[in-house]
Each structure stands twice: as C-alpha cells, then as structure tokens.
PDB file of N, CA and C in Angstrom:
ATOM      1  N   MET A   1       0.776  -1.176  -0.019  1.00  0.00           N
ATOM      2  CA  MET A   1       0.006  -0.018   0.029  1.00  0.00           C
ATOM      3  C   MET A   1       0.891   1.272   0.023  1.00  0.00           C
ATOM      4  N   GLU A   2       0.667   2.100  -0.962  1.00  0.00           N
ATOM      5  CA  GLU A   2       1.382   3.427  -0.960  1.00  0.00           C
ATOM      6  C   GLU A   2       0.456   4.531  -0.373  1.00  0.00           C
ATOM      7  N   PHE A   3       1.063   5.514   0.242  1.00  0.00           N
ATOM      8  CA  PHE A   3       0.335   6.453   1.010  1.00  0.00           C
ATOM      9  C   PHE A   3       0.665   7.904   0.406  1.00  0.00           C
ATOM     10  N   THR A   4      -0.463   8.646   0.415  1.00  0.00           N
ATOM     11  CA  THR A   4      -0.230  10.095   0.036  1.00  0.00           C
ATOM     12  C   THR A   4       0.001  10.921   1.265  1.00  0.00           C
ATOM     13  N   SER A   5      -0.328  10.394   2.444  1.00  0.00           N
ATOM     14  CA  SER A   5       0.144  11.018   3.710  1.00  0.00           C
ATOM     15  C   SER A   5       0.076   9.810   4.719  1.00  0.00           C
ATOM     16  N   LEU A   6       0.953  10.018   5.812  1.00  0.00           N
ATOM     17  CA  LEU A   6       1.193   8.996   6.848  1.00  0.00           C
ATOM     18  C   LEU A   6       1.684   9.659   8.037  1.00  0.00           C
ATOM     19  N   GLY A   7       1.011   9.336   9.262  1.00  0.00           N
ATOM     20  CA  GLY A   7       1.545  10.030  10.524  1.00  0.00           C
ATOM     21  C   GLY A   7       0.482   9.758  11.628  1.00  0.00           C
ATOM     22  N   ARG A   8       0.866  10.293  12.759  1.00  0.00           N
ATOM     23  CA  ARG A   8       0.091  10.304  13.907  1.00  0.00           C
ATOM     24  C   ARG A   8      -0.991  11.370  13.871  1.00  0.00           C
ATOM     25  N   TRP A   9      -2.155  11.031  14.395  1.00  0.00           N
ATOM     26  CA  TRP A   9      -3.272  12.000  14.384  1.00  0.00           C
ATOM     27  C   TRP A   9      -3.809  12.203  15.792  1.00  0.00           C
ATOM     28  N   TRP A  10      -4.055  13.415  16.051  1.00  0.00           N
ATOM     29  CA  TRP A  10      -4.770  13.732  17.385  1.00  0.00           C
ATOM     30  C   TRP A  10      -5.755  14.942  17.042  1.00  0.00           C
ATOM     31  N   GLY A  11      -6.822  14.866  17.697  1.00  0.00           N
ATOM     32  CA  GLY A  11      -7.892  15.938  17.358  1.00  0.00           C
ATOM     33  C   GLY A  11      -9.086  15.691  18.274  1.00  0.00           C
ATOM     34  N   ASN A  12     -10.089  16.434  17.939  1.00  0.00           N
ATOM     35  CA  ASN A  12     -11.347  16.355  18.752  1.00  0.00           C
ATOM     36  C   ASN A  12     -12.282  15.304  18.252  1.00  0.00           C
ATOM     37  N   ASP A  13     -12.827  14.682  19.365  1.00  0.00           N
ATOM     38  CA  ASP A  13     -13.993  13.658  18.986  1.00  0.00           C
ATOM     39  C   ASP A  13     -15.266  14.348  19.454  1.00  0.00           C
ATOM     40  N   PRO A  14     -16.111  14.903  18.456  1.00  0.00           N
ATOM     41  CA  PRO A  14     -17.263  15.570  18.858  1.00  0.00           C
ATOM     42  C   PRO A  14     -18.187  14.797  19.655  1.00  0.00           C
ATOM     43  N   SER A  15     -18.277  13.542  19.395  1.00  0.00           N
ATOM     44  CA  SER A  15     -19.255  12.757  20.094  1.00  0.00           C
ATOM     45  C   SER A  15     -18.906  12.581  21.576  1.00  0.00           C
ATOM     46  N   LYS A  16     -17.673  12.583  21.914  1.00  0.00           N
ATOM     47  CA  LYS A  16     -17.267  12.409  23.314  1.00  0.00           C
ATOM     48  C   LYS A  16     -16.900  13.737  23.905  1.00  0.00           C
ATOM     49  N   ARG A  17     -16.802  14.741  22.972  1.00  0.00           N
ATOM     50  CA  ARG A  17     -16.301  16.132  23.441  1.00  0.00           C
ATOM     51  C   ARG A  17     -14.999  16.100  24.207  1.00  0.00           C
ATOM     52  N   SER A  18     -14.130  15.392  23.552  1.00  0.00           N
ATOM     53  CA  SER A  18     -12.768  15.163  24.187  1.00  0.00           C
ATOM     54  C   SER A  18     -11.766  14.998  23.084  1.00  0.00           C
ATOM     55  N   GLN A  19     -10.459  15.169  23.477  1.00  0.00           N
ATOM     56  CA  GLN A  19      -9.315  14.978  22.586  1.00  0.00           C
ATOM     57  C   GLN A  19      -9.058  13.485  22.454  1.00  0.00           C
ATOM     58  N   THR A  20      -8.645  13.003  21.325  1.00  0.00           N
ATOM     59  CA  THR A  20      -8.347  11.584  21.142  1.00  0.00           C
ATOM     60  C   THR A  20      -7.144  11.637  20.114  1.00  0.00           C
ATOM     61  N   GLU A  21      -6.496  10.432  19.975  1.00  0.00           N
ATOM     62  CA  GLU A  21      -5.426  10.206  19.157  1.00  0.00           C
ATOM     63  C   GLU A  21      -5.373   8.816  18.514  1.00  0.00           C
ATOM     64  N   THR A  22      -4.704   8.732  17.458  1.00  0.00           N
ATOM     65  CA  THR A  22      -4.528   7.406  16.769  1.00  0.00           C
ATOM     66  C   THR A  22      -3.009   7.405  16.367  1.00  0.00           C
ATOM     67  N   ASP A  23      -2.435   6.260  16.705  1.00  0.00           N
ATOM     68  CA  ASP A  23      -0.902   6.185  16.438  1.00  0.00           C
ATOM     69  C   ASP A  23      -0.515   6.362  15.038  1.00  0.00           C
ATOM     70  N   ILE A  24      -1.170   5.839  14.058  1.00  0.00           N
ATOM     71  CA  ILE A  24      -0.867   5.998  12.638  1.00  0.00           C
ATOM     72  C   ILE A  24      -2.144   5.966  11.790  1.00  0.00           C
ATOM     73  N   ILE A  25      -2.170   6.972  10.969  1.00  0.00           N
ATOM     74  CA  ILE A  25      -3.272   6.997   9.907  1.00  0.00           C
ATOM     75  C   ILE A  25      -2.484   7.294   8.644  1.00  0.00           C
ATOM     76  N   GLY A  26      -2.727   6.317   7.675  1.00  0.00           N
ATOM     77  CA  GLY A  26      -2.194   6.443   6.380  1.00  0.00           C
ATOM     78  C   GLY A  26      -3.158   6.551   5.261  1.00  0.00           C
ATOM     79  N   GLU A  27      -3.123   7.592   4.563  1.00  0.00           N
ATOM     80  CA  GLU A  27      -4.184   7.788   3.507  1.00  0.00           C
ATOM     81  C   GLU A  27      -3.540   7.312   2.119  1.00  0.00           C
ATOM     82  N   GLN A  28      -4.265   6.436   1.496  1.00  0.00           N
ATOM     83  CA  GLN A  28      -3.886   5.999   0.232  1.00  0.00           C
ATOM     84  C   GLN A  28      -4.422   6.844  -0.870  1.00  0.00           C
ATOM     85  N   ASP A  29      -5.743   7.041  -0.771  1.00  0.00           N
ATOM     86  CA  ASP A  29      -6.438   8.122  -1.567  1.00  0.00           C
ATOM     87  C   ASP A  29      -7.667   8.645  -0.852  1.00  0.00           C
ATOM     88  N   LYS A  30      -8.521   9.421  -1.486  1.00  0.00           N
ATOM     89  CA  LYS A  30      -9.651  10.009  -0.791  1.00  0.00           C
ATOM     90  C   LYS A  30     -10.619   9.073  -0.190  1.00  0.00           C
ATOM     91  N   ASP A  31     -10.566   7.773  -0.669  1.00  0.00           N
ATOM     92  CA  ASP A  31     -11.481   6.677  -0.304  1.00  0.00           C
ATOM     93  C   ASP A  31     -10.936   5.635   0.690  1.00  0.00           C
ATOM     94  N   THR A  32      -9.605   5.565   0.772  1.00  0.00           N
ATOM     95  CA  THR A  32      -8.976   4.403   1.485  1.00  0.00           C
ATOM     96  C   THR A  32      -7.799   4.922   2.428  1.00  0.00           C
ATOM     97  N   ALA A  33      -7.927   4.275   3.583  1.00  0.00           N
ATOM     98  CA  ALA A  33      -6.910   4.659   4.655  1.00  0.00           C
ATOM     99  C   ALA A  33      -6.597   3.470   5.560  1.00  0.00           C
ATOM    100  N   LEU A  34      -5.481   3.517   6.194  1.00  0.00           N
ATOM    101  CA  LEU A  34      -5.041   2.513   7.150  1.00  0.00           C
ATOM    102  C   LEU A  34      -5.002   3.208   8.547  1.00  0.00           C
ATOM    103  N   PHE A  35      -5.471   2.510   9.497  1.00  0.00           N
ATOM    104  CA  PHE A  35      -5.456   2.960  10.961  1.00  0.00           C
ATOM    105  C   PHE A  35      -4.706   1.994  11.738  1.00  0.00           C
ATOM    106  N   ALA A  36      -3.734   2.476  12.570  1.00  0.00           N
ATOM    107  CA  ALA A  36      -2.921   1.491  13.270  1.00  0.00           C
ATOM    108  C   ALA A  36      -2.650   1.983  14.708  1.00  0.00           C
ATOM    109  N   GLU A  37      -2.669   0.970  15.609  1.00  0.00           N
ATOM    110  CA  GLU A  37      -2.321   1.219  16.974  1.00  0.00           C
ATOM    111  C   GLU A  37      -1.154   0.259  17.434  1.00  0.00           C
ATOM    112  N   PHE A  38      -0.286   0.847  18.298  1.00  0.00           N
ATOM    113  CA  PHE A  38       0.850   0.040  18.786  1.00  0.00           C
ATOM    114  C   PHE A  38       0.730  -0.121  20.238  1.00  0.00           C
ATOM    115  N   LYS A  39       0.916  -1.353  20.808  1.00  0.00           N
ATOM    116  CA  LYS A  39       0.836  -1.619  22.248  1.00  0.00           C
ATOM    117  C   LYS A  39       2.027  -2.349  22.639  1.00  0.00           C
ATOM    118  N   TRP A  40       2.802  -1.751  23.606  1.00  0.00           N
ATOM    119  CA  TRP A  40       4.084  -2.308  24.052  1.00  0.00           C
ATOM    120  C   TRP A  40       3.970  -2.647  25.515  1.00  0.00           C
ATOM    121  N   THR A  41       3.160  -3.593  25.781  1.00  0.00           N
ATOM    122  CA  THR A  41       2.891  -3.987  27.299  1.00  0.00           C
ATOM    123  C   THR A  41       3.152  -5.573  27.240  1.00  0.00           C
ATOM    124  N   ASN A  42       3.270  -6.095  28.506  1.00  0.00           N
ATOM    125  CA  ASN A  42       3.421  -7.457  28.810  1.00  0.00           C
ATOM    126  C   ASN A  42       2.077  -8.215  28.686  1.00  0.00           C
ATOM    127  N   GLU A  43       1.041  -7.540  28.440  1.00  0.00           N
ATOM    128  CA  GLU A  43      -0.346  -8.180  28.451  1.00  0.00           C
ATOM    129  C   GLU A  43      -0.726  -8.301  26.965  1.00  0.00           C
ATOM    130  N   LYS A  44      -1.505  -9.240  26.686  1.00  0.00           N
ATOM    131  CA  LYS A  44      -2.063  -9.423  25.293  1.00  0.00           C
ATOM    132  C   LYS A  44      -3.158  -8.366  25.087  1.00  0.00           C
ATOM    133  N   VAL A  45      -3.175  -7.822  23.847  1.00  0.00           N
ATOM    134  CA  VAL A  45      -4.025  -6.746  23.472  1.00  0.00           C
ATOM    135  C   VAL A  45      -5.458  -7.492  23.304  1.00  0.00           C
ATOM    136  N   ASP A  46      -6.378  -6.757  23.922  1.00  0.00           N
ATOM    137  CA  ASP A  46      -7.798  -7.268  23.967  1.00  0.00           C
ATOM    138  C   ASP A  46      -8.691  -6.646  22.932  1.00  0.00           C
ATOM    139  N   LEU A  47      -9.897  -7.106  22.736  1.00  0.00           N
ATOM    140  CA  LEU A  47     -10.847  -6.609  21.819  1.00  0.00           C
ATOM    141  C   LEU A  47     -11.068  -5.112  21.939  1.00  0.00           C
ATOM    142  N   ALA A  48     -11.084  -4.628  23.150  1.00  0.00           N
ATOM    143  CA  ALA A  48     -11.405  -3.272  23.502  1.00  0.00           C
ATOM    144  C   ALA A  48     -10.447  -2.292  22.708  1.00  0.00           C
ATOM    145  N   VAL A  49      -9.238  -2.633  22.510  1.00  0.00           N
ATOM    146  CA  VAL A  49      -8.254  -1.786  21.815  1.00  0.00           C
ATOM    147  C   VAL A  49      -8.644  -1.680  20.277  1.00  0.00           C
ATOM    148  N   LEU A  50      -9.114  -2.822  19.756  1.00  0.00           N
ATOM    149  CA  LEU A  50      -9.566  -2.931  18.370  1.00  0.00           C
ATOM    150  C   LEU A  50     -10.838  -2.060  18.252  1.00  0.00           C
ATOM    151  N   GLU A  51     -11.844  -2.218  19.133  1.00  0.00           N
ATOM    152  CA  GLU A  51     -13.082  -1.491  19.103  1.00  0.00           C
ATOM    153  C   GLU A  51     -12.793   0.021  19.237  1.00  0.00           C
ATOM    154  N   THR A  52     -11.831   0.431  20.001  1.00  0.00           N
ATOM    155  CA  THR A  52     -11.455   1.794  20.108  1.00  0.00           C
ATOM    156  C   THR A  52     -10.911   2.276  18.838  1.00  0.00           C
ATOM    157  N   LEU A  53     -10.077   1.458  18.174  1.00  0.00           N
ATOM    158  CA  LEU A  53      -9.599   1.998  16.849  1.00  0.00           C
ATOM    159  C   LEU A  53     -10.628   2.098  15.819  1.00  0.00           C
ATOM    160  N   PHE A  54     -11.655   1.266  15.870  1.00  0.00           N
ATOM    161  CA  PHE A  54     -12.788   1.433  14.911  1.00  0.00           C
ATOM    162  C   PHE A  54     -13.503   2.619  15.230  1.00  0.00           C
ATOM    163  N   GLU A  55     -13.779   2.925  16.528  1.00  0.00           N
ATOM    164  CA  GLU A  55     -14.552   4.128  16.922  1.00  0.00           C
ATOM    165  C   GLU A  55     -13.798   5.249  16.429  1.00  0.00           C
ATOM    166  N   ARG A  56     -12.560   5.429  16.614  1.00  0.00           N
ATOM    167  CA  ARG A  56     -11.782   6.602  16.208  1.00  0.00           C
ATOM    168  C   ARG A  56     -11.741   6.713  14.670  1.00  0.00           C
ATOM    169  N   SER A  57     -11.763   5.663  13.888  1.00  0.00           N
ATOM    170  CA  SER A  57     -11.822   5.747  12.467  1.00  0.00           C
ATOM    171  C   SER A  57     -13.082   6.362  11.950  1.00  0.00           C
ATOM    172  N   ARG A  58     -14.058   6.279  12.710  1.00  0.00           N
ATOM    173  CA  ARG A  58     -15.404   6.880  12.322  1.00  0.00           C
ATOM    174  C   ARG A  58     -15.330   8.380  12.246  1.00  0.00           C
ATOM    175  N   LEU A  59     -14.268   8.981  12.810  1.00  0.00           N
ATOM    176  CA  LEU A  59     -14.173  10.408  12.715  1.00  0.00           C
ATOM    177  C   LEU A  59     -13.734  10.853  11.270  1.00  0.00           C
ATOM    178  N   PHE A  60     -13.485   9.845  10.473  1.00  0.00           N
ATOM    179  CA  PHE A  60     -12.958  10.113   9.067  1.00  0.00           C
ATOM    180  C   PHE A  60     -13.909   9.436   8.012  1.00  0.00           C
ATOM    181  N   GLY A  61     -14.040  10.069   6.976  1.00  0.00           N
ATOM    182  CA  GLY A  61     -15.022   9.668   5.929  1.00  0.00           C
ATOM    183  C   GLY A  61     -14.574   8.595   4.907  1.00  0.00           C
ATOM    184  N   TYR A  62     -13.513   7.908   5.251  1.00  0.00           N
ATOM    185  CA  TYR A  62     -13.063   6.915   4.210  1.00  0.00           C
ATOM    186  C   TYR A  62     -14.007   5.763   3.981  1.00  0.00           C
ATOM    187  N   LYS A  63     -14.243   5.331   2.763  1.00  0.00           N
ATOM    188  CA  LYS A  63     -15.060   4.209   2.587  1.00  0.00           C
ATOM    189  C   LYS A  63     -14.383   2.957   2.821  1.00  0.00           C
ATOM    190  N   ASN A  64     -13.165   2.838   2.492  1.00  0.00           N
ATOM    191  CA  ASN A  64     -12.308   1.596   2.731  1.00  0.00           C
ATOM    192  C   ASN A  64     -11.270   1.824   3.741  1.00  0.00           C
ATOM    193  N   LYS A  65     -11.444   1.001   4.856  1.00  0.00           N
ATOM    194  CA  LYS A  65     -10.595   1.151   6.034  1.00  0.00           C
ATOM    195  C   LYS A  65      -9.952  -0.155   6.235  1.00  0.00           C
ATOM    196  N   HIS A  66      -8.576  -0.075   6.489  1.00  0.00           N
ATOM    197  CA  HIS A  66      -7.812  -1.213   6.954  1.00  0.00           C
ATOM    198  C   HIS A  66      -7.242  -0.873   8.295  1.00  0.00           C
ATOM    199  N   PHE A  67      -7.290  -1.899   9.143  1.00  0.00           N
ATOM    200  CA  PHE A  67      -6.787  -1.737  10.543  1.00  0.00           C
ATOM    201  C   PHE A  67      -5.611  -2.629  10.829  1.00  0.00           C
ATOM    202  N   PHE A  68      -4.666  -2.040  11.538  1.00  0.00           N
ATOM    203  CA  PHE A  68      -3.465  -2.857  12.002  1.00  0.00           C
ATOM    204  C   PHE A  68      -3.359  -2.725  13.545  1.00  0.00           C
ATOM    205  N   LEU A  69      -3.133  -3.739  14.254  1.00  0.00           N
ATOM    206  CA  LEU A  69      -2.757  -3.717  15.646  1.00  0.00           C
ATOM    207  C   LEU A  69      -1.378  -4.301  15.779  1.00  0.00           C
ATOM    208  N   PHE A  70      -0.451  -3.632  16.391  1.00  0.00           N
ATOM    209  CA  PHE A  70       0.875  -4.163  16.611  1.00  0.00           C
ATOM    210  C   PHE A  70       0.974  -4.369  18.189  1.00  0.00           C
ATOM    211  N   SER A  71       1.493  -5.585  18.573  1.00  0.00           N
ATOM    212  CA  SER A  71       1.489  -5.920  19.990  1.00  0.00           C
ATOM    213  C   SER A  71       2.959  -6.583  20.333  1.00  0.00           C
ATOM    214  N   LYS A  72       3.398  -6.145  21.490  1.00  0.00           N
ATOM    215  CA  LYS A  72       4.576  -6.880  22.018  1.00  0.00           C
ATOM    216  C   LYS A  72       4.240  -8.251  22.435  1.00  0.00           C
ATOM    217  N   SER A  73       3.122  -8.506  22.984  1.00  0.00           N
ATOM    218  CA  SER A  73       2.851  -9.734  23.670  1.00  0.00           C
ATOM    219  C   SER A  73       1.771 -10.650  23.035  1.00  0.00           C
ATOM    220  N   GLY A  74       1.124 -10.203  21.887  1.00  0.00           N
ATOM    221  CA  GLY A  74       0.138 -11.004  21.295  1.00  0.00           C
ATOM    222  C   GLY A  74      -1.237 -10.438  21.490  1.00  0.00           C
ATOM    223  N   PHE A  75      -2.335 -11.251  21.277  1.00  0.00           N
ATOM    224  CA  PHE A  75      -3.707 -10.821  21.312  1.00  0.00           C
ATOM    225  C   PHE A  75      -4.567 -11.849  22.020  1.00  0.00           C
ATOM    226  N   THR A  76      -5.699 -11.357  22.608  1.00  0.00           N
ATOM    227  CA  THR A  76      -6.593 -12.345  23.289  1.00  0.00           C
ATOM    228  C   THR A  76      -7.389 -13.058  22.145  1.00  0.00           C
ATOM    229  N   LYS A  77      -7.926 -14.110  22.611  1.00  0.00           N
ATOM    230  CA  LYS A  77      -8.748 -14.895  21.572  1.00  0.00           C
ATOM    231  C   LYS A  77      -9.864 -14.113  20.998  1.00  0.00           C
ATOM    232  N   TRP A  78     -10.489 -13.215  21.887  1.00  0.00           N
ATOM    233  CA  TRP A  78     -11.571 -12.301  21.403  1.00  0.00           C
ATOM    234  C   TRP A  78     -11.058 -11.353  20.323  1.00  0.00           C
ATOM    235  N   CYS A  79      -9.868 -10.713  20.468  1.00  0.00           N
ATOM    236  CA  CYS A  79      -9.302  -9.836  19.538  1.00  0.00           C
ATOM    237  C   CYS A  79      -9.085 -10.635  18.177  1.00  0.00           C
ATOM    238  N   ASN A  80      -8.421 -11.815  18.376  1.00  0.00           N
ATOM    239  CA  ASN A  80      -8.119 -12.657  17.123  1.00  0.00           C
ATOM    240  C   ASN A  80      -9.379 -13.060  16.463  1.00  0.00           C
ATOM    241  N   GLY A  81     -10.458 -13.462  17.202  1.00  0.00           N
ATOM    242  CA  GLY A  81     -11.707 -13.766  16.551  1.00  0.00           C
ATOM    243  C   GLY A  81     -12.375 -12.667  15.808  1.00  0.00           C
ATOM    244  N   LYS A  82     -12.374 -11.413  16.330  1.00  0.00           N
ATOM    245  CA  LYS A  82     -12.957 -10.388  15.707  1.00  0.00           C
ATOM    246  C   LYS A  82     -12.283  -9.936  14.503  1.00  0.00           C
ATOM    247  N   ALA A  83     -10.945 -10.007  14.563  1.00  0.00           N
ATOM    248  CA  ALA A  83     -10.032  -9.650  13.428  1.00  0.00           C
ATOM    249  C   ALA A  83     -10.364 -10.648  12.228  1.00  0.00           C
ATOM    250  N   ALA A  84     -10.528 -11.966  12.531  1.00  0.00           N
ATOM    251  CA  ALA A  84     -10.697 -12.906  11.546  1.00  0.00           C
ATOM    252  C   ALA A  84     -12.112 -12.703  10.995  1.00  0.00           C
ATOM    253  N   GLU A  85     -13.088 -12.471  11.784  1.00  0.00           N
ATOM    254  CA  GLU A  85     -14.371 -12.185  11.312  1.00  0.00           C
ATOM    255  C   GLU A  85     -14.534 -11.015  10.439  1.00  0.00           C
ATOM    256  N   LEU A  86     -13.816  -9.934  10.657  1.00  0.00           N
ATOM    257  CA  LEU A  86     -13.967  -8.742   9.859  1.00  0.00           C
ATOM    258  C   LEU A  86     -13.197  -8.727   8.581  1.00  0.00           C
ATOM    259  N   GLY A  87     -12.051  -9.283   8.606  1.00  0.00           N
ATOM    260  CA  GLY A  87     -11.252  -9.453   7.456  1.00  0.00           C
ATOM    261  C   GLY A  87     -10.375  -8.349   6.864  1.00  0.00           C
ATOM    262  N   ASN A  88     -10.620  -7.177   7.488  1.00  0.00           N
ATOM    263  CA  ASN A  88      -9.872  -5.927   7.099  1.00  0.00           C
ATOM    264  C   ASN A  88      -8.934  -5.549   8.286  1.00  0.00           C
ATOM    265  N   VAL A  89      -8.684  -6.454   9.205  1.00  0.00           N
ATOM    266  CA  VAL A  89      -7.769  -6.218  10.300  1.00  0.00           C
ATOM    267  C   VAL A  89      -6.582  -7.152  10.219  1.00  0.00           C
ATOM    268  N   THR A  90      -5.456  -6.585  10.478  1.00  0.00           N
ATOM    269  CA  THR A  90      -4.182  -7.346  10.542  1.00  0.00           C
ATOM    270  C   THR A  90      -3.532  -7.250  11.909  1.00  0.00           C
ATOM    271  N   LEU A  91      -3.263  -8.333  12.555  1.00  0.00           N
ATOM    272  CA  LEU A  91      -2.680  -8.313  13.877  1.00  0.00           C
ATOM    273  C   LEU A  91      -1.290  -8.755  13.757  1.00  0.00           C
ATOM    274  N   VAL A  92      -0.343  -7.983  14.322  1.00  0.00           N
ATOM    275  CA  VAL A  92       1.072  -8.223  14.221  1.00  0.00           C
ATOM    276  C   VAL A  92       1.726  -8.206  15.622  1.00  0.00           C
ATOM    277  N   VAL A  93       2.331  -9.445  15.787  1.00  0.00           N
ATOM    278  CA  VAL A  93       3.218  -9.600  17.018  1.00  0.00           C
ATOM    279  C   VAL A  93       4.578  -9.212  16.833  1.00  0.00           C
ATOM    280  N   PHE A  94       5.274  -8.530  17.810  1.00  0.00           N
ATOM    281  CA  PHE A  94       6.579  -8.063  17.648  1.00  0.00           C
ATOM    282  C   PHE A  94       7.474  -9.101  17.074  1.00  0.00           C
ATOM    283  N   ASP A  95       7.466 -10.355  17.645  1.00  0.00           N
ATOM    284  CA  ASP A  95       8.311 -11.438  17.246  1.00  0.00           C
ATOM    285  C   ASP A  95       8.177 -11.733  15.751  1.00  0.00           C
ATOM    286  N   ASP A  96       7.002 -11.417  15.168  1.00  0.00           N
ATOM    287  CA  ASP A  96       6.854 -11.699  13.731  1.00  0.00           C
ATOM    288  C   ASP A  96       7.537 -10.595  12.860  1.00  0.00           C
ATOM    289  N   MET A  97       7.895  -9.482  13.552  1.00  0.00           N
ATOM    290  CA  MET A  97       8.704  -8.414  12.773  1.00  0.00           C
ATOM    291  C   MET A  97      10.156  -8.633  12.743  1.00  0.00           C
ATOM    292  N   LEU A  98      10.582  -9.567  13.585  1.00  0.00           N
ATOM    293  CA  LEU A  98      12.061  -9.775  13.799  1.00  0.00           C
ATOM    294  C   LEU A  98      12.550 -10.814  12.710  1.00  0.00           C
ATOM    295  N   PRO A  99      13.740 -10.638  12.160  1.00  0.00           N
ATOM    296  CA  PRO A  99      14.162 -11.679  11.156  1.00  0.00           C
ATOM    297  C   PRO A  99      14.538 -12.992  12.056  1.00  0.00           C
ATOM    298  N   HIS A 100      14.164 -14.120  11.476  1.00  0.00           N
ATOM    299  CA  HIS A 100      14.412 -15.357  12.129  1.00  0.00           C
ATOM    300  C   HIS A 100      15.491 -16.074  11.366  1.00  0.00           C
ATOM    301  N   ALA A 101      16.331 -16.704  12.147  1.00  0.00           N
ATOM    302  CA  ALA A 101      17.354 -17.552  11.549  1.00  0.00           C
ATOM    303  C   ALA A 101      16.823 -18.762  10.858  1.00  0.00           C
ATOM    304  N   PRO A 102      17.328 -19.189   9.633  1.00  0.00           N
ATOM    305  CA  PRO A 102      16.923 -20.267   8.877  1.00  0.00           C
ATOM    306  C   PRO A 102      16.969 -21.543   9.704  1.00  0.00           C
ATOM    307  N   ALA A 103      16.021 -22.461   9.675  1.00  0.00           N
ATOM    308  CA  ALA A 103      16.105 -23.657  10.389  1.00  0.00           C
ATOM    309  C   ALA A 103      17.082 -24.687   9.917  1.00  0.00           C
TER     310      ALA A 103
END
C-alpha cells in the first residue's frame, strides 16, 4: 500500500467532547486509509483496543478502511476472533517483525 500521507493523528472527538489520538493514519487516496495502534505491554491486546480503533476511524469519511494492531505480547482470543471475522484487520506480534534464523 502506498500512501499520500502517513502519520500520527490527534484531534477532537465531537461525540465524546474530548481529545483523542490514533498512532498511525495512512491515506492511500480520498476513499482508502489505514489505521494502526501500537501496544508495548506485557499483556495481550484485548478486543477493546480494536473497538477503540474502529470508533476513532469513524471520525474520518473513508469508505475503505484497513486496521493494524501491533503488539509486544500477542492478542486475546476475542481480538483474534473479531479480526478474523472482519477480514480488514491485521494483527502483528513483535516477534513476527524480527528476522528469524533459517532452520
């Protein structure tokens, strides 16, 4: 995916009347964007993180949205299940990003 813009976003959520942020938003074109969150904790990322990312993406009018969650420690079964069900979510564990020695 190539982007016309890529970066962190923070701004106002009018429905909550509060400031919010998203770690990465990458715009491919006026209809397509990527939304990503990074969690560097020793606990698995739960479904609530994915739901929050969905909620924040609603602040933008893209028709085609792709979601990425990056985690140091993996994901709960509920997060894995929802990602598989939706199909436009990619879950990435830190170990998967590291080069592995050939067997």
